[in-house]
Each structure stands twice: as C-alpha cells, then as structure tokens.
Protein backbone atom coordinates (compact mmCIF):
# COMPACT_ATOMS: atom_id res chain seq x y z
CA MET A 1 12.04 -31.91 -14.76
CA GLU A 2 8.82 -30.52 -13.33
CA LYS A 3 7.25 -27.47 -14.92
CA ILE A 4 6.54 -24.32 -12.90
CA VAL A 5 4.40 -21.60 -14.46
CA VAL A 6 4.48 -18.25 -12.66
CA LEU A 7 1.75 -15.67 -13.23
CA THR A 8 2.74 -12.18 -12.08
CA GLY A 9 0.86 -8.91 -11.86
CA ALA A 10 1.39 -5.36 -10.69
CA GLY A 11 1.80 -6.39 -7.04
CA ILE A 12 5.24 -7.89 -7.56
CA SER A 13 6.59 -4.69 -9.13
CA ALA A 14 4.91 -2.38 -6.62
CA GLU A 15 7.58 -3.23 -4.05
CA SER A 16 10.21 -1.93 -6.46
CA GLY A 17 8.45 1.43 -6.55
CA ILE A 18 6.26 1.05 -9.63
CA SER A 19 2.77 2.30 -8.78
CA THR A 20 -0.17 0.03 -9.55
CA PHE A 21 -3.46 0.93 -11.17
CA ARG A 22 -5.55 -0.57 -8.39
CA ASP A 23 -3.66 1.41 -5.74
CA ALA A 24 -4.36 4.69 -7.53
CA ASN A 25 -8.19 4.57 -7.54
CA GLY A 26 -8.34 4.17 -11.29
CA LEU A 27 -5.85 6.94 -12.02
CA TRP A 28 -2.25 6.80 -13.20
CA GLU A 29 -0.37 10.01 -12.41
CA ASN A 30 -3.75 11.80 -12.32
CA HIS A 31 -4.68 10.56 -15.79
CA ASP A 32 -7.82 8.58 -16.45
CA ILE A 33 -6.71 5.19 -17.72
CA MET A 34 -8.56 5.57 -21.02
CA GLU A 35 -6.64 8.79 -21.78
CA VAL A 36 -3.28 7.06 -21.80
CA ALA A 37 -3.96 3.37 -22.40
CA SER A 38 -6.54 3.08 -25.17
CA PRO A 39 -6.60 3.47 -28.96
CA GLU A 40 -9.12 6.28 -28.46
CA GLY A 41 -6.73 8.15 -26.17
CA TRP A 42 -3.93 7.71 -28.71
CA ARG A 43 -6.05 9.11 -31.53
CA LYS A 44 -7.22 12.02 -29.39
CA ASN A 45 -3.89 13.10 -27.91
CA PRO A 46 -0.85 11.05 -28.97
CA SER A 47 1.54 13.54 -27.36
CA LEU A 48 -0.05 12.97 -23.95
CA VAL A 49 0.22 9.21 -24.41
CA LEU A 50 3.87 9.43 -25.42
CA ASP A 51 4.66 11.72 -22.48
CA PHE A 52 3.02 9.26 -20.11
CA TYR A 53 5.02 6.27 -21.33
CA ASN A 54 8.22 8.32 -21.55
CA ALA A 55 7.82 9.02 -17.84
CA ARG A 56 7.25 5.32 -17.14
CA ARG A 57 10.32 4.42 -19.18
CA ARG A 58 12.46 6.91 -17.27
CA GLN A 59 11.13 5.58 -13.96
CA LEU A 60 12.06 2.05 -14.96
CA LYS A 61 15.70 3.10 -15.13
CA GLU A 62 15.54 4.19 -11.49
CA VAL A 63 13.98 1.07 -9.94
CA LYS A 64 15.45 -2.36 -9.28
CA PRO A 65 14.15 -5.93 -9.00
CA ASN A 66 13.08 -6.84 -5.49
CA ALA A 67 13.32 -10.03 -3.43
CA GLY A 68 10.25 -11.45 -5.16
CA HIS A 69 11.84 -11.17 -8.60
CA THR A 70 15.22 -12.52 -7.52
CA ALA A 71 13.77 -15.48 -5.59
CA LEU A 72 12.04 -16.75 -8.74
CA VAL A 73 15.41 -17.06 -10.48
CA GLN A 74 16.48 -19.71 -7.95
CA LEU A 75 13.70 -22.04 -9.09
CA GLU A 76 15.55 -22.58 -12.37
CA GLU A 77 18.12 -24.66 -10.46
CA LYS A 78 15.60 -27.50 -10.17
CA TYR A 79 12.59 -26.70 -12.38
CA ASP A 80 11.64 -25.74 -15.90
CA VAL A 81 10.25 -22.25 -15.19
CA THR A 82 8.23 -19.91 -17.40
CA ILE A 83 7.00 -16.55 -16.12
CA ILE A 84 3.84 -15.15 -17.68
CA THR A 85 3.59 -11.53 -16.64
CA GLN A 86 0.92 -8.90 -17.01
CA ASN A 87 3.58 -6.27 -16.27
CA VAL A 88 5.26 -4.20 -18.96
CA ASP A 89 8.46 -3.60 -17.01
CA ASN A 90 11.68 -5.60 -17.44
CA LEU A 91 12.33 -6.42 -13.78
CA HIS A 92 12.04 -10.19 -14.29
CA GLU A 93 14.66 -10.01 -17.03
CA ARG A 94 16.95 -7.82 -14.95
CA ALA A 95 16.63 -10.19 -12.00
CA GLY A 96 17.91 -13.01 -14.21
CA SER A 97 14.89 -15.13 -15.10
CA SER A 98 15.34 -16.90 -18.43
CA HIS A 99 11.87 -17.42 -19.86
CA ILE A 100 9.36 -14.56 -19.68
CA LEU A 101 6.20 -14.06 -21.72
CA HIS A 102 4.75 -10.55 -21.59
CA LEU A 103 0.97 -10.55 -22.01
CA HIS A 104 0.50 -6.79 -22.19
CA GLY A 105 3.59 -5.70 -24.09
CA GLU A 106 6.90 -4.21 -23.01
CA LEU A 107 7.76 -0.69 -21.96
CA ASN A 108 11.21 -0.87 -23.56
CA LYS A 109 9.83 -1.68 -26.99
CA VAL A 110 7.92 0.34 -29.58
CA ARG A 111 6.14 -0.66 -32.76
CA SER A 112 4.99 0.78 -36.03
CA THR A 113 1.44 2.16 -36.23
CA GLY A 114 1.28 1.08 -39.87
CA ASN A 115 2.90 -2.35 -39.57
CA PRO A 116 2.55 -3.86 -36.06
CA SER A 117 5.08 -6.58 -36.90
CA LEU A 118 7.83 -3.95 -36.94
CA ILE A 119 8.93 -3.88 -33.27
CA TYR A 120 12.03 -2.12 -31.98
CA ASP A 121 13.93 -2.00 -28.69
CA TRP A 122 13.56 1.49 -27.25
CA HIS A 123 15.01 2.75 -23.97
CA ASP A 124 14.72 6.53 -24.27
CA ASP A 125 11.92 9.01 -24.91
CA LEU A 126 9.63 8.47 -27.91
CA HIS A 127 8.42 11.54 -29.78
CA ILE A 128 5.98 12.54 -32.47
CA GLY A 129 8.02 12.23 -35.66
CA ASP A 130 9.88 9.07 -34.62
CA LEU A 131 9.11 6.77 -37.54
CA CYS A 132 9.58 3.11 -38.45
CA GLU A 133 11.53 2.09 -41.54
CA LYS A 134 8.30 2.27 -43.57
CA GLY A 135 7.66 5.86 -42.54
CA TYR A 136 4.90 5.29 -39.97
CA GLN A 137 4.78 6.87 -36.51
CA LEU A 138 6.03 4.63 -33.70
CA ARG A 139 3.85 3.94 -30.64
CA PRO A 140 4.44 2.15 -27.33
CA HIS A 141 4.49 -1.64 -27.67
CA ILE A 142 1.74 -1.94 -25.08
CA VAL A 143 -1.58 -3.78 -25.25
CA TRP A 144 -4.10 -1.05 -24.53
CA PHE A 145 -7.64 -1.48 -23.25
CA THR A 146 -10.00 -2.87 -25.96
CA GLU A 147 -7.03 -4.25 -27.95
CA PRO A 148 -6.56 -8.03 -28.37
CA VAL A 149 -3.90 -9.80 -26.30
CA PRO A 150 -1.76 -11.57 -28.93
CA ASN A 151 0.16 -13.80 -26.48
CA ILE A 152 -2.86 -15.16 -24.62
CA VAL A 153 -3.05 -18.33 -26.73
CA THR A 154 0.63 -19.08 -26.14
CA ALA A 155 0.14 -18.40 -22.42
CA ALA A 156 -2.78 -20.84 -22.26
CA SER A 157 -0.68 -23.55 -23.89
CA ILE A 158 2.09 -22.99 -21.35
CA CYS A 159 -0.37 -23.22 -18.45
CA GLU A 160 -1.56 -26.60 -19.71
CA THR A 161 1.93 -27.99 -19.02
CA ALA A 162 2.18 -26.82 -15.40
CA ASP A 163 2.92 -29.17 -12.52
CA ILE A 164 3.06 -26.18 -10.17
CA MET A 165 1.59 -22.72 -10.66
CA ILE A 166 2.60 -19.65 -8.62
CA ILE A 167 0.35 -16.57 -8.79
CA ILE A 168 1.92 -13.35 -7.49
CA GLY A 169 0.50 -9.88 -7.05
CA THR A 170 -2.51 -10.19 -9.31
CA SER A 171 -6.18 -10.36 -8.43
CA MET A 172 -6.89 -12.90 -11.20
CA GLN A 173 -10.13 -11.01 -11.84
CA VAL A 174 -9.27 -9.26 -15.11
CA TYR A 175 -9.76 -11.20 -18.32
CA PRO A 176 -8.34 -12.61 -20.46
CA ALA A 177 -5.43 -13.21 -18.04
CA ALA A 178 -7.78 -14.47 -15.32
CA GLY A 179 -8.92 -17.26 -17.62
CA LEU A 180 -5.46 -18.82 -17.66
CA LEU A 181 -6.29 -20.71 -14.46
CA GLU A 182 -8.80 -22.74 -16.42
CA TYR A 183 -5.94 -24.29 -18.39
CA ALA A 184 -4.01 -25.55 -15.37
CA PRO A 185 -4.10 -29.36 -15.05
CA ARG A 186 -6.47 -30.69 -12.40
CA LEU A 187 -3.66 -31.97 -10.17
CA CYS A 188 -1.51 -28.86 -10.53
CA LYS A 189 -0.43 -27.40 -7.17
CA ILE A 190 -1.23 -23.68 -7.00
CA PHE A 191 0.36 -21.05 -4.73
CA PHE A 192 -1.43 -17.70 -4.49
CA ILE A 193 0.71 -14.91 -3.02
CA ASP A 194 -0.98 -11.59 -2.23
CA PRO A 195 -1.15 -9.43 0.92
CA LEU A 196 -4.91 -8.96 0.46
CA PRO A 197 -6.10 -12.06 -1.35
CA ASN A 198 -9.56 -11.58 -2.81
CA LEU A 199 -10.25 -15.12 -3.91
CA THR A 200 -12.52 -15.57 -6.89
CA PRO A 201 -14.80 -18.63 -7.19
CA SER A 202 -12.34 -20.13 -9.67
CA LEU A 203 -9.72 -20.11 -6.91
CA THR A 204 -11.81 -21.09 -3.89
CA THR A 205 -13.01 -24.29 -5.54
CA LEU A 206 -9.47 -25.62 -6.00
CA ASP A 207 -8.45 -28.42 -3.63
CA ASN A 208 -4.74 -27.86 -4.28
CA LEU A 209 -4.67 -24.12 -3.52
CA HIS A 210 -2.16 -22.71 -1.03
CA VAL A 211 -2.71 -19.06 -0.07
CA ILE A 212 0.25 -17.04 1.21
CA GLN A 213 -1.04 -13.73 2.56
CA GLU A 214 2.18 -11.78 2.15
CA LYS A 215 3.73 -9.22 -0.13
CA ALA A 216 5.79 -10.68 -2.95
CA GLY A 217 9.09 -9.77 -1.32
CA VAL A 218 8.23 -11.98 1.65
CA GLY A 219 5.89 -14.58 0.21
CA VAL A 220 7.84 -15.53 -2.90
CA PRO A 221 11.08 -16.40 -1.04
CA LYS A 222 9.00 -18.55 1.36
CA VAL A 223 7.42 -20.51 -1.48
CA VAL A 224 10.73 -20.87 -3.29
CA ALA A 225 12.41 -22.18 -0.13
CA SER A 226 9.64 -24.77 0.25
CA LEU A 227 10.17 -25.98 -3.34
CA LEU A 228 13.95 -26.24 -3.24
CA PRO A 229 15.88 -28.90 -1.30
C-alpha cells in the first residue's frame, strides 16, 4: 500500500471559520502574537493567555470540518495516510481521519507547568487555579513561539516514507515545519494546494511538483478524485 503524507496548515481550517494568523496582519483578536503565544506572554499575563485560548476552545465547538478535511478521509480506502498538521484544532479527527500528528499541540489538551509529561484532555475553559495532580498550574498544550517542537523528529521520519505528499493551506516558509520537505524521497509526487501559492525555492526546484491554485475545499477533493479509482 502506497504511503501518503499530508501536511496541513491554517488555510485548511480557515474555510471552517477559524481565522488565520497571516490573514490578520500579525494579530489574533487584536492581540500581538507574542502576548498570547510565547512563554514571555504567559509569565507576564497568564490570565490573558488563558482567556485567549478559552475563546479559541469555545469557537472550536461552533465550527465543523469542511470539504477539504472530509475528502482526505477517503484516501484511507486505498492508501496508508498520515496527516501532519500545524493546526491545533481537532477538525481532522472530527472529519474521520485515523492518523494525525499535531506539530504545534492541541487546543483540547492542557499540560502541567511543572511536569510537561502530564497532559490532560480539556474541552472547557481553563482558569488560574486549575492544577495538575502534582499541584502545578495547568497551561494550554500548545507549542508557543521560541519553544521546541517535540514532534518534529517523528514528522521527519514519517515524511521519509512518503510515496505521495499533499501540502494544504500552508506557506511552507516557517521552520521547522518547512524543513519537512527536505525529507521527502526524491521520486515522491508532491501536490501543493493553496489559493495564493507563494512557492519557495525548495518547491520550485522539484520536478514532481503539482500546484493546485484553489482553496482547500475545492482543491483537496480534486486531488483526492485524481488519486482514487
């Protein structure tokens, strides 16, 4: 069975109503990104950070997977599929995909500030005073700016096994995620789906690149239809 590795970014979730950082001119809900997505922001104003992610968590309950998410599920009929996502939402899971690796954490999980290995499912608001079993404050299970990306090594190993790679809704310009392309086998067929593709040199030099200049909800079903009998 051939291996398909899917790399997804904010663009695939934007069509479900989740705003993207690049569409907001560097602001999320009028907050500078470093105020709500950095260790420094957490130390300075943890209540603001918790309020921000509580709002994101509530929003996630109101949105649904779109045609891009659901089309990817069909690929499992014929292929071994792993989705590597930069998104922290659970729309791939809710659409029905079986194998998802989250690079930047998950909105519906929290972890201990004193013992990062203590991770809990969490679907409601998180407050100051919510503690882990060891008595430490809980924080969003999100990889913030300047923090290491624990799953990047696993993601690179997965990319090395790809026969086909599908890139959806991500500029592939932000590292370390952008470096995953370097691990794709030389003969791997690559589909790049984005309404405004800004191709980096690492993409333009590929002989086996197929660019689909569409939003995910249109482009992903087209690619899936071309890959299924």
